[in-house]
Amino acid sequence: MSKNYNLAKILRKQQTPQEKIIWNLVRNRKIQNIKFKRQYPIGKYIVDFVAPDIKLIIELDGGQHNETQNIKYDEERTIFLSSLGFTIIRFWNNEVNENLEGVYDKIYKTISELVMP
């Protein structure tokens, strides 16, 4: 078993409150019958949520993602994942807390665009 697989398994058990909220939104094919996986390894990265069939990744970011070293890491990560054909949408944790309807709408709209381009 790879190191990333084991780390992903640990992360699934240690979800943030915002990850729990988004997981409850997307799990069990709740949005347009699209299957999502959580804390899923892709290459050397672990993504928060992925719908492999439509190549959609949802990332949740806390304040640490505003730090210079993390901004560069996130940019490299986005370039790599995009090169594999993934669409990545990002939300700040406070967006999940304060505007869940807007977050849901963006996820729904993005799925619609990917399913019926």
N, C-alpha and C. Protein backbone atom coordinates (compact mmCIF):
# COMPACT_ATOMS: atom_id res chain seq x y z
N MET A 1 0.84 -1.18 0.00
CA MET A 1 0.00 0.00 0.00
C MET A 1 0.88 1.25 0.00
N SER A 2 0.51 2.23 -0.80
CA SER A 2 1.33 3.43 -0.88
C SER A 2 1.15 4.32 0.35
N LYS A 3 2.15 5.15 0.55
CA LYS A 3 2.12 6.10 1.67
C LYS A 3 0.91 7.03 1.54
N ASN A 4 0.64 7.51 0.31
CA ASN A 4 -0.50 8.40 0.09
C ASN A 4 -1.83 7.72 0.39
N TYR A 5 -1.93 6.44 0.04
CA TYR A 5 -3.17 5.72 0.32
C TYR A 5 -3.43 5.66 1.82
N ASN A 6 -2.37 5.36 2.58
CA ASN A 6 -2.52 5.29 4.04
C ASN A 6 -2.85 6.64 4.63
N LEU A 7 -2.21 7.71 4.13
CA LEU A 7 -2.49 9.05 4.62
C LEU A 7 -3.93 9.45 4.28
N ALA A 8 -4.37 9.10 3.07
CA ALA A 8 -5.75 9.42 2.67
C ALA A 8 -6.75 8.74 3.61
N LYS A 9 -6.46 7.52 3.99
CA LYS A 9 -7.33 6.79 4.90
C LYS A 9 -7.41 7.49 6.26
N ILE A 10 -6.28 7.96 6.74
CA ILE A 10 -6.25 8.70 8.01
C ILE A 10 -7.05 10.00 7.88
N LEU A 11 -6.84 10.72 6.77
CA LEU A 11 -7.53 11.99 6.57
C LEU A 11 -9.06 11.81 6.50
N ARG A 12 -9.50 10.69 5.92
CA ARG A 12 -10.95 10.43 5.87
C ARG A 12 -11.54 10.31 7.26
N LYS A 13 -10.73 9.83 8.21
CA LYS A 13 -11.21 9.67 9.58
C LYS A 13 -11.10 10.96 10.39
N GLN A 14 -10.35 11.93 9.87
CA GLN A 14 -10.11 13.17 10.60
C GLN A 14 -10.63 14.38 9.81
N GLN A 15 -11.83 14.27 9.29
CA GLN A 15 -12.40 15.35 8.49
C GLN A 15 -12.58 16.63 9.30
N THR A 16 -12.38 17.75 8.63
CA THR A 16 -12.70 19.04 9.24
C THR A 16 -14.21 19.21 9.24
N PRO A 17 -14.74 20.13 10.04
CA PRO A 17 -16.20 20.36 10.01
C PRO A 17 -16.69 20.73 8.62
N GLN A 18 -15.90 21.51 7.88
CA GLN A 18 -16.32 21.91 6.53
C GLN A 18 -16.30 20.73 5.57
N GLU A 19 -15.32 19.84 5.72
CA GLU A 19 -15.29 18.64 4.88
C GLU A 19 -16.51 17.77 5.15
N LYS A 20 -16.91 17.67 6.40
CA LYS A 20 -18.11 16.89 6.73
C LYS A 20 -19.35 17.49 6.04
N ILE A 21 -19.43 18.80 6.04
CA ILE A 21 -20.58 19.47 5.42
C ILE A 21 -20.62 19.18 3.92
N ILE A 22 -19.48 19.34 3.25
CA ILE A 22 -19.44 19.11 1.81
C ILE A 22 -19.66 17.63 1.49
N TRP A 23 -19.09 16.75 2.30
CA TRP A 23 -19.30 15.32 2.07
C TRP A 23 -20.79 14.99 2.16
N ASN A 24 -21.48 15.58 3.11
CA ASN A 24 -22.92 15.34 3.21
C ASN A 24 -23.69 15.89 2.01
N LEU A 25 -23.15 16.92 1.37
CA LEU A 25 -23.78 17.47 0.16
C LEU A 25 -23.62 16.55 -1.05
N VAL A 26 -22.43 15.96 -1.19
CA VAL A 26 -22.12 15.26 -2.44
C VAL A 26 -22.17 13.73 -2.36
N ARG A 27 -22.17 13.18 -1.15
CA ARG A 27 -22.10 11.72 -1.03
C ARG A 27 -23.37 11.05 -1.53
N ASN A 28 -23.26 9.78 -1.82
CA ASN A 28 -24.40 8.96 -2.28
C ASN A 28 -25.07 9.53 -3.52
N ARG A 29 -24.26 10.12 -4.40
CA ARG A 29 -24.75 10.62 -5.69
C ARG A 29 -25.88 11.65 -5.55
N LYS A 30 -25.79 12.49 -4.52
CA LYS A 30 -26.86 13.45 -4.24
C LYS A 30 -26.96 14.57 -5.26
N ILE A 31 -25.87 14.88 -5.97
CA ILE A 31 -25.93 15.95 -6.97
C ILE A 31 -25.81 15.32 -8.35
N GLN A 32 -26.89 15.36 -9.09
CA GLN A 32 -26.96 14.90 -10.48
C GLN A 32 -26.43 13.47 -10.66
N ASN A 33 -26.60 12.65 -9.63
CA ASN A 33 -26.21 11.24 -9.69
C ASN A 33 -24.71 11.03 -9.95
N ILE A 34 -23.90 12.00 -9.55
CA ILE A 34 -22.46 11.92 -9.75
C ILE A 34 -21.81 11.35 -8.48
N LYS A 35 -20.95 10.35 -8.67
CA LYS A 35 -20.26 9.71 -7.54
C LYS A 35 -18.99 10.48 -7.19
N PHE A 36 -18.87 10.81 -5.92
CA PHE A 36 -17.68 11.47 -5.39
C PHE A 36 -16.94 10.54 -4.44
N LYS A 37 -15.64 10.71 -4.39
CA LYS A 37 -14.79 10.05 -3.40
C LYS A 37 -14.13 11.15 -2.59
N ARG A 38 -13.76 10.85 -1.36
CA ARG A 38 -13.14 11.87 -0.52
C ARG A 38 -11.74 11.45 -0.13
N GLN A 39 -10.90 12.48 0.10
CA GLN A 39 -9.50 12.26 0.47
C GLN A 39 -8.90 11.17 -0.42
N TYR A 40 -8.80 11.50 -1.70
CA TYR A 40 -8.43 10.51 -2.71
C TYR A 40 -7.06 10.84 -3.31
N PRO A 41 -6.14 9.87 -3.32
CA PRO A 41 -4.81 10.13 -3.88
C PRO A 41 -4.83 10.19 -5.41
N ILE A 42 -4.19 11.23 -5.94
CA ILE A 42 -3.97 11.37 -7.38
C ILE A 42 -2.51 11.80 -7.54
N GLY A 43 -1.70 10.93 -8.10
CA GLY A 43 -0.27 11.21 -8.16
C GLY A 43 0.28 11.34 -6.75
N LYS A 44 1.07 12.38 -6.52
CA LYS A 44 1.65 12.57 -5.18
C LYS A 44 0.75 13.42 -4.29
N TYR A 45 -0.44 13.75 -4.75
CA TYR A 45 -1.35 14.61 -4.00
C TYR A 45 -2.56 13.83 -3.50
N ILE A 46 -3.19 14.37 -2.47
CA ILE A 46 -4.46 13.84 -1.98
C ILE A 46 -5.47 14.97 -2.11
N VAL A 47 -6.51 14.73 -2.91
CA VAL A 47 -7.53 15.76 -3.12
C VAL A 47 -8.66 15.56 -2.12
N ASP A 48 -9.33 16.66 -1.77
CA ASP A 48 -10.41 16.57 -0.79
C ASP A 48 -11.57 15.74 -1.31
N PHE A 49 -12.08 16.10 -2.50
CA PHE A 49 -13.20 15.37 -3.10
C PHE A 49 -12.96 15.28 -4.60
N VAL A 50 -13.29 14.12 -5.17
CA VAL A 50 -13.14 13.96 -6.61
C VAL A 50 -14.30 13.15 -7.15
N ALA A 51 -14.77 13.59 -8.33
CA ALA A 51 -15.74 12.82 -9.10
C ALA A 51 -14.97 12.32 -10.33
N PRO A 52 -14.41 11.11 -10.24
CA PRO A 52 -13.53 10.63 -11.31
C PRO A 52 -14.19 10.55 -12.68
N ASP A 53 -15.46 10.21 -12.73
CA ASP A 53 -16.14 10.04 -14.01
C ASP A 53 -16.21 11.32 -14.83
N ILE A 54 -16.27 12.47 -14.14
CA ILE A 54 -16.34 13.74 -14.87
C ILE A 54 -15.08 14.59 -14.63
N LYS A 55 -14.11 14.02 -13.94
CA LYS A 55 -12.82 14.68 -13.67
C LYS A 55 -13.00 16.03 -12.97
N LEU A 56 -13.77 16.02 -11.89
CA LEU A 56 -13.99 17.22 -11.10
C LEU A 56 -13.39 17.02 -9.71
N ILE A 57 -12.62 18.02 -9.27
CA ILE A 57 -12.04 18.02 -7.93
C ILE A 57 -12.60 19.21 -7.17
N ILE A 58 -13.01 18.97 -5.93
CA ILE A 58 -13.43 20.05 -5.03
C ILE A 58 -12.41 20.12 -3.91
N GLU A 59 -11.84 21.30 -3.72
CA GLU A 59 -10.86 21.52 -2.66
C GLU A 59 -11.40 22.53 -1.67
N LEU A 60 -11.17 22.28 -0.40
CA LEU A 60 -11.53 23.21 0.67
C LEU A 60 -10.25 23.76 1.27
N ASP A 61 -10.20 25.06 1.42
CA ASP A 61 -8.99 25.71 1.91
C ASP A 61 -9.24 26.47 3.19
N GLY A 62 -8.37 26.24 4.16
CA GLY A 62 -8.37 27.03 5.39
C GLY A 62 -7.38 28.17 5.24
N GLY A 63 -7.22 28.95 6.27
CA GLY A 63 -6.35 30.13 6.25
C GLY A 63 -4.91 29.83 5.90
N GLN A 64 -4.43 28.64 6.20
CA GLN A 64 -3.03 28.30 5.91
C GLN A 64 -2.73 28.35 4.42
N HIS A 65 -3.75 28.28 3.59
CA HIS A 65 -3.54 28.31 2.14
C HIS A 65 -3.21 29.73 1.65
N ASN A 66 -3.28 30.72 2.53
CA ASN A 66 -2.90 32.10 2.20
C ASN A 66 -1.42 32.35 2.44
N GLU A 67 -0.72 31.40 3.05
CA GLU A 67 0.70 31.58 3.33
C GLU A 67 1.50 31.35 2.05
N THR A 68 2.57 32.13 1.87
CA THR A 68 3.35 32.13 0.63
C THR A 68 3.75 30.72 0.17
N GLN A 69 4.31 29.91 1.07
CA GLN A 69 4.77 28.58 0.66
C GLN A 69 3.61 27.71 0.22
N ASN A 70 2.45 27.87 0.84
CA ASN A 70 1.29 27.06 0.47
C ASN A 70 0.66 27.54 -0.83
N ILE A 71 0.73 28.83 -1.10
CA ILE A 71 0.21 29.35 -2.38
C ILE A 71 0.98 28.71 -3.53
N LYS A 72 2.30 28.67 -3.42
CA LYS A 72 3.14 28.06 -4.47
C LYS A 72 2.84 26.57 -4.61
N TYR A 73 2.71 25.87 -3.49
CA TYR A 73 2.39 24.44 -3.51
C TYR A 73 1.04 24.21 -4.19
N ASP A 74 0.04 25.02 -3.84
CA ASP A 74 -1.30 24.87 -4.43
C ASP A 74 -1.26 25.14 -5.94
N GLU A 75 -0.45 26.11 -6.36
CA GLU A 75 -0.34 26.41 -7.79
C GLU A 75 0.27 25.23 -8.55
N GLU A 76 1.35 24.65 -8.00
CA GLU A 76 1.98 23.48 -8.63
C GLU A 76 1.01 22.31 -8.69
N ARG A 77 0.29 22.13 -7.63
CA ARG A 77 -0.69 21.04 -7.53
C ARG A 77 -1.79 21.22 -8.58
N THR A 78 -2.30 22.45 -8.70
CA THR A 78 -3.35 22.74 -9.67
C THR A 78 -2.86 22.50 -11.09
N ILE A 79 -1.63 22.92 -11.39
CA ILE A 79 -1.06 22.70 -12.72
C ILE A 79 -0.99 21.20 -13.02
N PHE A 80 -0.51 20.41 -12.06
CA PHE A 80 -0.40 18.96 -12.25
C PHE A 80 -1.78 18.34 -12.48
N LEU A 81 -2.73 18.64 -11.60
CA LEU A 81 -4.06 18.03 -11.71
C LEU A 81 -4.77 18.48 -12.99
N SER A 82 -4.61 19.73 -13.36
CA SER A 82 -5.20 20.23 -14.61
C SER A 82 -4.60 19.52 -15.81
N SER A 83 -3.29 19.22 -15.73
CA SER A 83 -2.64 18.54 -16.85
C SER A 83 -3.20 17.13 -17.06
N LEU A 84 -3.84 16.59 -16.03
CA LEU A 84 -4.48 15.28 -16.15
C LEU A 84 -5.93 15.40 -16.63
N GLY A 85 -6.37 16.64 -16.87
CA GLY A 85 -7.72 16.86 -17.38
C GLY A 85 -8.76 17.17 -16.32
N PHE A 86 -8.32 17.40 -15.08
CA PHE A 86 -9.27 17.68 -14.00
C PHE A 86 -9.66 19.16 -13.99
N THR A 87 -10.91 19.40 -13.67
CA THR A 87 -11.40 20.73 -13.34
C THR A 87 -11.35 20.83 -11.83
N ILE A 88 -10.81 21.93 -11.32
CA ILE A 88 -10.67 22.09 -9.87
C ILE A 88 -11.47 23.31 -9.43
N ILE A 89 -12.35 23.11 -8.45
CA ILE A 89 -13.02 24.26 -7.84
C ILE A 89 -12.62 24.30 -6.37
N ARG A 90 -12.37 25.52 -5.90
CA ARG A 90 -11.89 25.71 -4.53
C ARG A 90 -12.86 26.59 -3.76
N PHE A 91 -13.00 26.24 -2.50
CA PHE A 91 -13.81 27.06 -1.60
C PHE A 91 -13.01 27.29 -0.33
N TRP A 92 -13.14 28.47 0.23
CA TRP A 92 -12.58 28.74 1.54
C TRP A 92 -13.52 28.14 2.58
N ASN A 93 -12.96 27.71 3.69
CA ASN A 93 -13.78 27.15 4.76
C ASN A 93 -14.90 28.11 5.17
N ASN A 94 -14.59 29.42 5.23
CA ASN A 94 -15.63 30.37 5.65
C ASN A 94 -16.76 30.46 4.62
N GLU A 95 -16.49 30.17 3.34
CA GLU A 95 -17.57 30.13 2.35
C GLU A 95 -18.55 29.00 2.68
N VAL A 96 -18.00 27.85 3.07
CA VAL A 96 -18.83 26.71 3.44
C VAL A 96 -19.68 27.07 4.66
N ASN A 97 -19.06 27.77 5.61
CA ASN A 97 -19.76 28.14 6.84
C ASN A 97 -20.81 29.22 6.62
N GLU A 98 -20.53 30.17 5.74
CA GLU A 98 -21.36 31.35 5.63
C GLU A 98 -22.24 31.40 4.39
N ASN A 99 -21.93 30.59 3.37
CA ASN A 99 -22.69 30.66 2.12
C ASN A 99 -22.81 29.27 1.49
N LEU A 100 -23.33 28.34 2.24
CA LEU A 100 -23.44 26.96 1.75
C LEU A 100 -24.29 26.87 0.49
N GLU A 101 -25.34 27.66 0.42
CA GLU A 101 -26.19 27.64 -0.78
C GLU A 101 -25.39 28.06 -2.02
N GLY A 102 -24.54 29.06 -1.88
CA GLY A 102 -23.69 29.51 -2.99
C GLY A 102 -22.68 28.44 -3.38
N VAL A 103 -22.12 27.76 -2.39
CA VAL A 103 -21.17 26.67 -2.64
C VAL A 103 -21.88 25.55 -3.40
N TYR A 104 -23.06 25.17 -2.93
CA TYR A 104 -23.84 24.12 -3.60
C TYR A 104 -24.13 24.52 -5.05
N ASP A 105 -24.57 25.78 -5.24
CA ASP A 105 -24.90 26.24 -6.58
C ASP A 105 -23.71 26.15 -7.52
N LYS A 106 -22.52 26.52 -7.04
CA LYS A 106 -21.31 26.46 -7.87
C LYS A 106 -20.96 25.01 -8.21
N ILE A 107 -21.08 24.11 -7.24
CA ILE A 107 -20.81 22.69 -7.50
C ILE A 107 -21.81 22.17 -8.54
N TYR A 108 -23.09 22.48 -8.35
CA TYR A 108 -24.13 22.01 -9.27
C TYR A 108 -23.88 22.54 -10.68
N LYS A 109 -23.59 23.83 -10.78
CA LYS A 109 -23.36 24.46 -12.09
C LYS A 109 -22.14 23.85 -12.77
N THR A 110 -21.06 23.62 -12.02
CA THR A 110 -19.85 23.04 -12.60
C THR A 110 -20.12 21.63 -13.09
N ILE A 111 -20.84 20.85 -12.30
CA ILE A 111 -21.19 19.49 -12.74
C ILE A 111 -22.02 19.55 -14.01
N SER A 112 -22.99 20.45 -14.06
CA SER A 112 -23.83 20.58 -15.25
C SER A 112 -23.00 20.89 -16.48
N GLU A 113 -22.02 21.78 -16.33
CA GLU A 113 -21.17 22.14 -17.46
C GLU A 113 -20.30 20.97 -17.91
N LEU A 114 -19.86 20.15 -16.97
CA LEU A 114 -19.00 19.01 -17.33
C LEU A 114 -19.80 17.85 -17.91
N VAL A 115 -21.03 17.69 -17.44
CA VAL A 115 -21.86 16.58 -17.91
C VAL A 115 -22.44 16.90 -19.28
N MET A 116 -22.86 18.14 -19.49
CA MET A 116 -23.46 18.55 -20.76
C MET A 116 -22.75 19.80 -21.28
N PRO A 117 -21.54 19.63 -21.83
CA PRO A 117 -20.79 20.81 -22.30
C PRO A 117 -21.41 21.45 -23.53
